[in-house]
Amino acid sequence: MSVMQVETNSGLRVIAILEALKGVLSFAVVLGIYFFPSKDLRQLTELLVQYFHLNPVHPISEMIIDLSRRVPELNMNVLMGVAGGYTLIRWIEAYGLWNEFRWTEWLALISCAIYVPFEIYASIHHPSLVSVTLLVINLGIIAYIARTLYSKPDSDFAVQN
């Protein structure tokens, strides 16, 4: 096994752990929606935003807080289904990255890239250490996965000798 392969394995595994943790967090959301009455859910959401020092006027934070306030108006089954689907996607991605399945590397690249415009917007309009750090981490992950895909011999992008 070459040094590049060891580096790729460990890098992809770190990203896999991050994706699995996102899945755990979204699963906690599913459980929170299921077990907490809407008033308690709203309060819990606002406390979590404060606890993690998230910007409450950040578009994503606002959306989450607004959803927690409107839970009685929403179809709980649909909300739990969306959160459950997100959980499943994160865990599938984590499993695939851990096992170096090529298609999950593409999935990770695309799913990370989807967040970039929102993170740029947040960093410009609501700058904070959290928003800038998330943007930098996400761009680093995108660069790493792109390099990993590019460097693989069976890659469509690999340099042919």
N, C-alpha and C. Protein backbone atom coordinates (compact mmCIF):
# COMPACT_ATOMS: atom_id res chain seq x y z
N MET A 1 0.86 -1.17 0.00
CA MET A 1 0.00 0.00 0.00
C MET A 1 0.90 1.24 0.00
N SER A 2 0.66 2.15 -0.91
CA SER A 2 1.49 3.34 -1.02
C SER A 2 1.09 4.38 0.02
N VAL A 3 1.95 5.38 0.18
CA VAL A 3 1.69 6.46 1.12
C VAL A 3 0.42 7.20 0.72
N MET A 4 0.21 7.43 -0.59
CA MET A 4 -0.98 8.13 -1.08
C MET A 4 -2.24 7.35 -0.72
N GLN A 5 -2.19 6.02 -0.83
CA GLN A 5 -3.36 5.21 -0.50
C GLN A 5 -3.69 5.29 0.99
N VAL A 6 -2.67 5.26 1.84
CA VAL A 6 -2.88 5.36 3.28
C VAL A 6 -3.47 6.72 3.61
N GLU A 7 -2.92 7.79 3.00
CA GLU A 7 -3.44 9.14 3.23
C GLU A 7 -4.89 9.25 2.77
N THR A 8 -5.20 8.67 1.61
CA THR A 8 -6.57 8.70 1.10
C THR A 8 -7.51 7.95 2.02
N ASN A 9 -7.09 6.75 2.47
CA ASN A 9 -7.93 5.96 3.36
C ASN A 9 -8.25 6.74 4.63
N SER A 10 -7.23 7.31 5.26
CA SER A 10 -7.46 8.00 6.52
C SER A 10 -8.26 9.28 6.31
N GLY A 11 -8.01 10.01 5.23
CA GLY A 11 -8.78 11.22 4.96
C GLY A 11 -10.25 10.93 4.70
N LEU A 12 -10.50 9.91 3.90
CA LEU A 12 -11.89 9.53 3.62
C LEU A 12 -12.57 9.03 4.87
N ARG A 13 -11.83 8.37 5.73
CA ARG A 13 -12.44 7.87 6.98
C ARG A 13 -12.77 9.00 7.93
N VAL A 14 -11.95 10.04 7.97
CA VAL A 14 -12.29 11.21 8.79
C VAL A 14 -13.57 11.85 8.27
N ILE A 15 -13.67 11.99 6.95
CA ILE A 15 -14.88 12.56 6.35
C ILE A 15 -16.07 11.64 6.62
N ALA A 16 -15.86 10.33 6.56
CA ALA A 16 -16.93 9.38 6.85
C ALA A 16 -17.43 9.55 8.28
N ILE A 17 -16.52 9.76 9.21
CA ILE A 17 -16.92 9.97 10.61
C ILE A 17 -17.74 11.25 10.73
N LEU A 18 -17.32 12.32 10.05
CA LEU A 18 -18.09 13.57 10.07
C LEU A 18 -19.50 13.36 9.51
N GLU A 19 -19.61 12.61 8.42
CA GLU A 19 -20.92 12.35 7.83
C GLU A 19 -21.78 11.49 8.76
N ALA A 20 -21.16 10.52 9.42
CA ALA A 20 -21.91 9.69 10.38
C ALA A 20 -22.41 10.55 11.54
N LEU A 21 -21.58 11.49 11.99
CA LEU A 21 -22.00 12.38 13.07
C LEU A 21 -23.15 13.29 12.63
N LYS A 22 -23.13 13.74 11.38
CA LYS A 22 -24.27 14.51 10.85
C LYS A 22 -25.53 13.65 10.88
N GLY A 23 -25.37 12.37 10.54
CA GLY A 23 -26.50 11.45 10.60
C GLY A 23 -27.02 11.27 12.01
N VAL A 24 -26.12 11.18 12.98
CA VAL A 24 -26.53 11.05 14.38
C VAL A 24 -27.29 12.30 14.81
N LEU A 25 -26.77 13.47 14.42
CA LEU A 25 -27.44 14.73 14.77
C LEU A 25 -28.83 14.81 14.15
N SER A 26 -28.95 14.43 12.88
CA SER A 26 -30.27 14.49 12.26
C SER A 26 -31.21 13.43 12.83
N PHE A 27 -30.67 12.29 13.27
CA PHE A 27 -31.49 11.28 13.93
C PHE A 27 -32.00 11.82 15.27
N ALA A 28 -31.15 12.59 15.96
CA ALA A 28 -31.59 13.23 17.21
C ALA A 28 -32.73 14.20 16.93
N VAL A 29 -32.68 14.87 15.78
CA VAL A 29 -33.78 15.77 15.40
C VAL A 29 -35.07 14.97 15.22
N VAL A 30 -34.96 13.81 14.54
CA VAL A 30 -36.14 12.96 14.36
C VAL A 30 -36.72 12.56 15.71
N LEU A 31 -35.86 12.13 16.61
CA LEU A 31 -36.33 11.74 17.94
C LEU A 31 -36.92 12.93 18.69
N GLY A 32 -36.29 14.09 18.56
CA GLY A 32 -36.80 15.29 19.21
C GLY A 32 -38.18 15.66 18.71
N ILE A 33 -38.38 15.57 17.41
CA ILE A 33 -39.69 15.87 16.83
C ILE A 33 -40.74 14.89 17.35
N TYR A 34 -40.34 13.64 17.45
CA TYR A 34 -41.27 12.60 17.86
C TYR A 34 -41.63 12.69 19.35
N PHE A 35 -40.63 12.96 20.20
CA PHE A 35 -40.86 12.85 21.64
C PHE A 35 -41.19 14.16 22.35
N PHE A 36 -40.84 15.30 21.76
CA PHE A 36 -41.07 16.56 22.46
C PHE A 36 -42.33 17.24 21.95
N PRO A 37 -43.14 17.74 22.87
CA PRO A 37 -44.27 18.57 22.43
C PRO A 37 -43.74 19.80 21.72
N SER A 38 -44.54 20.40 20.86
CA SER A 38 -44.07 21.50 20.02
C SER A 38 -43.50 22.66 20.83
N LYS A 39 -44.09 23.02 21.96
CA LYS A 39 -43.59 24.12 22.76
C LYS A 39 -42.19 23.80 23.27
N ASP A 40 -42.01 22.59 23.78
CA ASP A 40 -40.70 22.17 24.28
C ASP A 40 -39.69 22.10 23.13
N LEU A 41 -40.13 21.68 21.96
CA LEU A 41 -39.24 21.58 20.80
C LEU A 41 -38.74 22.96 20.40
N ARG A 42 -39.62 23.95 20.41
CA ARG A 42 -39.22 25.31 20.07
C ARG A 42 -38.18 25.82 21.06
N GLN A 43 -38.45 25.63 22.34
CA GLN A 43 -37.50 26.08 23.36
C GLN A 43 -36.17 25.34 23.24
N LEU A 44 -36.24 24.04 23.01
CA LEU A 44 -35.02 23.24 22.86
C LEU A 44 -34.21 23.73 21.66
N THR A 45 -34.87 24.02 20.55
CA THR A 45 -34.19 24.49 19.35
C THR A 45 -33.49 25.81 19.61
N GLU A 46 -34.17 26.73 20.26
CA GLU A 46 -33.57 28.04 20.56
C GLU A 46 -32.39 27.88 21.52
N LEU A 47 -32.50 26.99 22.50
CA LEU A 47 -31.39 26.73 23.42
C LEU A 47 -30.19 26.13 22.70
N LEU A 48 -30.45 25.20 21.76
CA LEU A 48 -29.35 24.58 21.01
C LEU A 48 -28.63 25.61 20.14
N VAL A 49 -29.39 26.49 19.51
CA VAL A 49 -28.78 27.56 18.70
C VAL A 49 -27.89 28.42 19.57
N GLN A 50 -28.36 28.77 20.76
CA GLN A 50 -27.55 29.57 21.69
C GLN A 50 -26.34 28.77 22.21
N TYR A 51 -26.56 27.52 22.57
CA TYR A 51 -25.50 26.70 23.14
C TYR A 51 -24.34 26.53 22.18
N PHE A 52 -24.64 26.31 20.90
CA PHE A 52 -23.59 26.10 19.90
C PHE A 52 -23.09 27.41 19.32
N HIS A 53 -23.51 28.53 19.91
CA HIS A 53 -23.08 29.86 19.49
C HIS A 53 -23.34 30.10 18.01
N LEU A 54 -24.48 29.59 17.55
CA LEU A 54 -24.87 29.82 16.16
C LEU A 54 -25.54 31.18 16.06
N ASN A 55 -25.42 31.77 14.92
CA ASN A 55 -26.03 33.07 14.70
C ASN A 55 -27.53 32.86 14.50
N PRO A 56 -28.38 33.35 15.42
CA PRO A 56 -29.82 33.10 15.29
C PRO A 56 -30.45 33.75 14.07
N VAL A 57 -29.76 34.73 13.46
CA VAL A 57 -30.30 35.34 12.24
C VAL A 57 -29.69 34.76 10.98
N HIS A 58 -28.83 33.75 11.13
CA HIS A 58 -28.31 33.03 9.97
C HIS A 58 -29.48 32.34 9.30
N PRO A 59 -29.52 32.33 7.96
CA PRO A 59 -30.69 31.75 7.27
C PRO A 59 -31.02 30.32 7.69
N ILE A 60 -30.01 29.49 7.91
CA ILE A 60 -30.28 28.10 8.30
C ILE A 60 -30.82 28.06 9.73
N SER A 61 -30.21 28.83 10.63
CA SER A 61 -30.71 28.88 12.01
C SER A 61 -32.14 29.40 12.05
N GLU A 62 -32.39 30.46 11.30
CA GLU A 62 -33.75 31.02 11.25
C GLU A 62 -34.74 29.97 10.75
N MET A 63 -34.34 29.23 9.71
CA MET A 63 -35.23 28.22 9.15
C MET A 63 -35.54 27.13 10.18
N ILE A 64 -34.51 26.68 10.90
CA ILE A 64 -34.71 25.63 11.89
C ILE A 64 -35.59 26.12 13.03
N ILE A 65 -35.33 27.33 13.52
CA ILE A 65 -36.15 27.88 14.60
C ILE A 65 -37.58 28.08 14.13
N ASP A 66 -37.74 28.61 12.91
CA ASP A 66 -39.09 28.81 12.38
C ASP A 66 -39.84 27.49 12.23
N LEU A 67 -39.15 26.46 11.74
CA LEU A 67 -39.79 25.15 11.63
C LEU A 67 -40.20 24.62 13.00
N SER A 68 -39.33 24.81 13.99
CA SER A 68 -39.68 24.31 15.33
C SER A 68 -40.88 25.05 15.90
N ARG A 69 -41.06 26.31 15.53
CA ARG A 69 -42.23 27.07 15.99
C ARG A 69 -43.50 26.62 15.28
N ARG A 70 -43.36 26.16 14.04
CA ARG A 70 -44.53 25.80 13.23
C ARG A 70 -44.84 24.32 13.25
N VAL A 71 -44.17 23.56 14.09
CA VAL A 71 -44.37 22.11 14.10
C VAL A 71 -45.84 21.72 14.18
N PRO A 72 -46.66 22.36 15.01
CA PRO A 72 -48.07 21.95 15.04
C PRO A 72 -48.76 22.13 13.68
N GLU A 73 -48.30 23.10 12.88
CA GLU A 73 -48.92 23.34 11.58
C GLU A 73 -48.46 22.33 10.53
N LEU A 74 -47.32 21.73 10.75
CA LEU A 74 -46.74 20.82 9.76
C LEU A 74 -47.21 19.40 9.99
N ASN A 75 -47.17 18.63 8.95
CA ASN A 75 -47.46 17.21 9.07
C ASN A 75 -46.24 16.54 9.68
N MET A 76 -46.38 16.07 10.90
CA MET A 76 -45.24 15.48 11.62
C MET A 76 -44.62 14.31 10.87
N ASN A 77 -45.45 13.53 10.21
CA ASN A 77 -44.91 12.38 9.48
C ASN A 77 -44.02 12.82 8.33
N VAL A 78 -44.41 13.89 7.64
CA VAL A 78 -43.58 14.40 6.53
C VAL A 78 -42.27 14.94 7.08
N LEU A 79 -42.34 15.71 8.15
CA LEU A 79 -41.14 16.29 8.76
C LEU A 79 -40.19 15.19 9.24
N MET A 80 -40.73 14.19 9.89
CA MET A 80 -39.90 13.07 10.35
C MET A 80 -39.34 12.29 9.17
N GLY A 81 -40.12 12.16 8.11
CA GLY A 81 -39.65 11.46 6.92
C GLY A 81 -38.48 12.17 6.26
N VAL A 82 -38.57 13.49 6.17
CA VAL A 82 -37.47 14.27 5.57
C VAL A 82 -36.21 14.15 6.43
N ALA A 83 -36.35 14.33 7.74
CA ALA A 83 -35.20 14.21 8.64
C ALA A 83 -34.65 12.78 8.63
N GLY A 84 -35.54 11.81 8.58
CA GLY A 84 -35.10 10.41 8.52
C GLY A 84 -34.38 10.10 7.21
N GLY A 85 -34.87 10.65 6.11
CA GLY A 85 -34.20 10.47 4.82
C GLY A 85 -32.82 11.09 4.81
N TYR A 86 -32.71 12.28 5.38
CA TYR A 86 -31.40 12.94 5.50
C TYR A 86 -30.46 12.09 6.34
N THR A 87 -30.96 11.54 7.44
CA THR A 87 -30.16 10.66 8.29
C THR A 87 -29.65 9.46 7.50
N LEU A 88 -30.53 8.83 6.76
CA LEU A 88 -30.16 7.65 5.98
C LEU A 88 -29.10 8.00 4.94
N ILE A 89 -29.26 9.12 4.25
CA ILE A 89 -28.28 9.52 3.24
C ILE A 89 -26.92 9.75 3.88
N ARG A 90 -26.89 10.43 5.02
CA ARG A 90 -25.61 10.68 5.71
C ARG A 90 -24.94 9.37 6.10
N TRP A 91 -25.72 8.40 6.62
CA TRP A 91 -25.13 7.13 7.05
C TRP A 91 -24.68 6.29 5.86
N ILE A 92 -25.41 6.32 4.78
CA ILE A 92 -24.97 5.61 3.57
C ILE A 92 -23.68 6.22 3.05
N GLU A 93 -23.64 7.55 3.03
CA GLU A 93 -22.43 8.24 2.58
C GLU A 93 -21.25 7.89 3.48
N ALA A 94 -21.46 7.88 4.79
CA ALA A 94 -20.39 7.54 5.73
C ALA A 94 -19.89 6.11 5.49
N TYR A 95 -20.81 5.18 5.33
CA TYR A 95 -20.43 3.79 5.08
C TYR A 95 -19.64 3.66 3.78
N GLY A 96 -20.13 4.31 2.75
CA GLY A 96 -19.45 4.23 1.45
C GLY A 96 -18.08 4.88 1.46
N LEU A 97 -17.94 6.02 2.13
CA LEU A 97 -16.63 6.66 2.22
C LEU A 97 -15.66 5.81 3.03
N TRP A 98 -16.15 5.22 4.12
CA TRP A 98 -15.31 4.37 4.94
C TRP A 98 -14.76 3.20 4.11
N ASN A 99 -15.61 2.68 3.24
CA ASN A 99 -15.21 1.54 2.40
C ASN A 99 -14.69 1.95 1.03
N GLU A 100 -14.53 3.25 0.83
CA GLU A 100 -13.96 3.82 -0.40
C GLU A 100 -14.75 3.45 -1.67
N PHE A 101 -16.06 3.46 -1.56
CA PHE A 101 -16.87 3.27 -2.76
C PHE A 101 -16.82 4.57 -3.55
N ARG A 102 -16.48 4.46 -4.79
CA ARG A 102 -16.28 5.63 -5.64
C ARG A 102 -17.54 6.49 -5.74
N TRP A 103 -18.69 5.87 -5.87
CA TRP A 103 -19.92 6.64 -6.04
C TRP A 103 -20.23 7.49 -4.82
N THR A 104 -19.81 7.03 -3.62
CA THR A 104 -20.06 7.85 -2.44
C THR A 104 -19.08 9.02 -2.36
N GLU A 105 -17.92 8.88 -2.98
CA GLU A 105 -17.01 10.02 -3.06
C GLU A 105 -17.64 11.12 -3.93
N TRP A 106 -18.28 10.72 -5.00
CA TRP A 106 -18.99 11.70 -5.84
C TRP A 106 -20.17 12.29 -5.07
N LEU A 107 -20.90 11.45 -4.36
CA LEU A 107 -22.02 11.93 -3.55
C LEU A 107 -21.54 12.94 -2.52
N ALA A 108 -20.42 12.64 -1.86
CA ALA A 108 -19.87 13.56 -0.85
C ALA A 108 -19.44 14.87 -1.49
N LEU A 109 -18.82 14.79 -2.66
CA LEU A 109 -18.39 16.01 -3.35
C LEU A 109 -19.59 16.89 -3.69
N ILE A 110 -20.61 16.29 -4.22
CA ILE A 110 -21.81 17.05 -4.61
C ILE A 110 -22.54 17.58 -3.38
N SER A 111 -22.69 16.73 -2.36
CA SER A 111 -23.43 17.18 -1.18
C SER A 111 -22.69 18.28 -0.43
N CYS A 112 -21.38 18.28 -0.45
CA CYS A 112 -20.62 19.38 0.16
C CYS A 112 -20.75 20.64 -0.67
N ALA A 113 -20.69 20.50 -1.98
CA ALA A 113 -20.76 21.67 -2.87
C ALA A 113 -22.11 22.37 -2.79
N ILE A 114 -23.16 21.64 -2.49
CA ILE A 114 -24.50 22.23 -2.39
C ILE A 114 -24.54 23.30 -1.30
N TYR A 115 -23.80 23.11 -0.22
CA TYR A 115 -23.83 24.04 0.91
C TYR A 115 -23.01 25.31 0.68
N VAL A 116 -22.07 25.28 -0.26
CA VAL A 116 -21.13 26.40 -0.44
C VAL A 116 -21.83 27.75 -0.67
N PRO A 117 -22.81 27.85 -1.57
CA PRO A 117 -23.44 29.17 -1.76
C PRO A 117 -24.07 29.71 -0.48
N PHE A 118 -24.68 28.85 0.30
CA PHE A 118 -25.30 29.27 1.56
C PHE A 118 -24.24 29.71 2.57
N GLU A 119 -23.13 28.97 2.60
CA GLU A 119 -22.05 29.31 3.53
C GLU A 119 -21.37 30.62 3.12
N ILE A 120 -21.21 30.84 1.83
CA ILE A 120 -20.64 32.11 1.36
C ILE A 120 -21.58 33.26 1.74
N TYR A 121 -22.87 33.08 1.49
CA TYR A 121 -23.86 34.10 1.85
C TYR A 121 -23.78 34.41 3.34
N ALA A 122 -23.76 33.37 4.16
CA ALA A 122 -23.71 33.57 5.61
C ALA A 122 -22.42 34.26 6.02
N SER A 123 -21.31 33.90 5.41
CA SER A 123 -20.03 34.50 5.76
C SER A 123 -19.96 35.98 5.37
N ILE A 124 -20.66 36.35 4.31
CA ILE A 124 -20.65 37.74 3.87
C ILE A 124 -21.68 38.57 4.64
N HIS A 125 -22.89 38.08 4.74
CA HIS A 125 -23.98 38.87 5.32
C HIS A 125 -24.11 38.73 6.84
N HIS A 126 -23.65 37.63 7.38
CA HIS A 126 -23.71 37.41 8.83
C HIS A 126 -22.38 36.81 9.28
N PRO A 127 -21.29 37.56 9.10
CA PRO A 127 -19.98 36.96 9.40
C PRO A 127 -19.84 36.59 10.88
N SER A 128 -19.32 35.41 11.06
CA SER A 128 -19.02 34.93 12.40
C SER A 128 -17.93 33.88 12.28
N LEU A 129 -17.31 33.58 13.38
CA LEU A 129 -16.27 32.56 13.37
C LEU A 129 -16.83 31.22 12.90
N VAL A 130 -18.04 30.91 13.33
CA VAL A 130 -18.67 29.64 12.95
C VAL A 130 -18.93 29.59 11.45
N SER A 131 -19.52 30.64 10.87
CA SER A 131 -19.86 30.60 9.45
C SER A 131 -18.61 30.53 8.58
N VAL A 132 -17.57 31.28 8.93
CA VAL A 132 -16.34 31.26 8.15
C VAL A 132 -15.63 29.92 8.32
N THR A 133 -15.62 29.39 9.54
CA THR A 133 -14.98 28.09 9.79
C THR A 133 -15.68 26.98 9.01
N LEU A 134 -17.01 26.98 9.02
CA LEU A 134 -17.75 25.96 8.26
C LEU A 134 -17.44 26.06 6.77
N LEU A 135 -17.36 27.27 6.25
CA LEU A 135 -17.04 27.46 4.83
C LEU A 135 -15.65 26.92 4.52
N VAL A 136 -14.67 27.26 5.34
CA VAL A 136 -13.30 26.81 5.11
C VAL A 136 -13.20 25.28 5.20
N ILE A 137 -13.83 24.70 6.20
CA ILE A 137 -13.80 23.23 6.34
C ILE A 137 -14.46 22.58 5.14
N ASN A 138 -15.61 23.10 4.73
CA ASN A 138 -16.32 22.51 3.61
C ASN A 138 -15.50 22.62 2.33
N LEU A 139 -14.88 23.77 2.07
CA LEU A 139 -14.04 23.92 0.88
C LEU A 139 -12.84 22.98 0.94
N GLY A 140 -12.29 22.78 2.14
CA GLY A 140 -11.19 21.83 2.29
C GLY A 140 -11.61 20.41 1.98
N ILE A 141 -12.79 20.03 2.45
CA ILE A 141 -13.31 18.68 2.16
C ILE A 141 -13.55 18.51 0.66
N ILE A 142 -14.12 19.53 0.04
CA ILE A 142 -14.37 19.47 -1.41
C ILE A 142 -13.05 19.30 -2.15
N ALA A 143 -12.05 20.10 -1.80
CA ALA A 143 -10.74 20.01 -2.46
C ALA A 143 -10.12 18.63 -2.25
N TYR A 144 -10.22 18.11 -1.04
CA TYR A 144 -9.64 16.81 -0.72
C TYR A 144 -10.31 15.70 -1.53
N ILE A 145 -11.64 15.70 -1.55
CA ILE A 145 -12.36 14.65 -2.28
C ILE A 145 -12.09 14.77 -3.78
N ALA A 146 -12.07 15.99 -4.30
CA ALA A 146 -11.77 16.19 -5.73
C ALA A 146 -10.38 15.65 -6.05
N ARG A 147 -9.41 15.95 -5.19
CA ARG A 147 -8.05 15.44 -5.41
C ARG A 147 -8.03 13.91 -5.34
N THR A 148 -8.77 13.35 -4.40
CA THR A 148 -8.84 11.89 -4.28
C THR A 148 -9.43 11.27 -5.55
N LEU A 149 -10.52 11.84 -6.04
CA LEU A 149 -11.13 11.33 -7.26
C LEU A 149 -10.19 11.47 -8.45
N TYR A 150 -9.51 12.59 -8.53
CA TYR A 150 -8.61 12.86 -9.64
C TYR A 150 -7.41 11.93 -9.64
N SER A 151 -6.93 11.57 -8.44
CA SER A 151 -5.71 10.78 -8.34
C SER A 151 -5.92 9.28 -8.52
N LYS A 152 -7.15 8.83 -8.49
CA LYS A 152 -7.38 7.39 -8.62
C LYS A 152 -7.14 6.96 -10.06
N PRO A 153 -6.49 5.81 -10.25
CA PRO A 153 -6.15 5.37 -11.61
C PRO A 153 -7.37 5.15 -12.50
N ASP A 154 -8.49 4.74 -11.92
CA ASP A 154 -9.67 4.48 -12.75
C ASP A 154 -10.52 5.74 -12.91
N SER A 155 -10.00 6.87 -12.46
CA SER A 155 -10.74 8.11 -12.53
C SER A 155 -10.89 8.59 -13.97
N ASP A 156 -12.03 9.14 -14.27
CA ASP A 156 -12.24 9.73 -15.58
C ASP A 156 -11.35 10.95 -15.77
N PHE A 157 -10.88 11.52 -14.67
CA PHE A 157 -10.09 12.74 -14.71
C PHE A 157 -8.59 12.47 -14.58
N ALA A 158 -8.22 11.22 -14.34
CA ALA A 158 -6.80 10.91 -14.11
C ALA A 158 -5.98 11.20 -15.36
N VAL A 159 -4.76 11.64 -15.13
CA VAL A 159 -3.85 11.91 -16.24
C VAL A 159 -3.42 10.58 -16.82
N GLN A 160 -3.57 10.44 -18.10
CA GLN A 160 -3.19 9.21 -18.78
C GLN A 160 -1.72 9.29 -19.19
N ASN A 161 -0.95 8.25 -18.88
CA ASN A 161 0.47 8.21 -19.28
C ASN A 161 0.63 7.47 -20.56
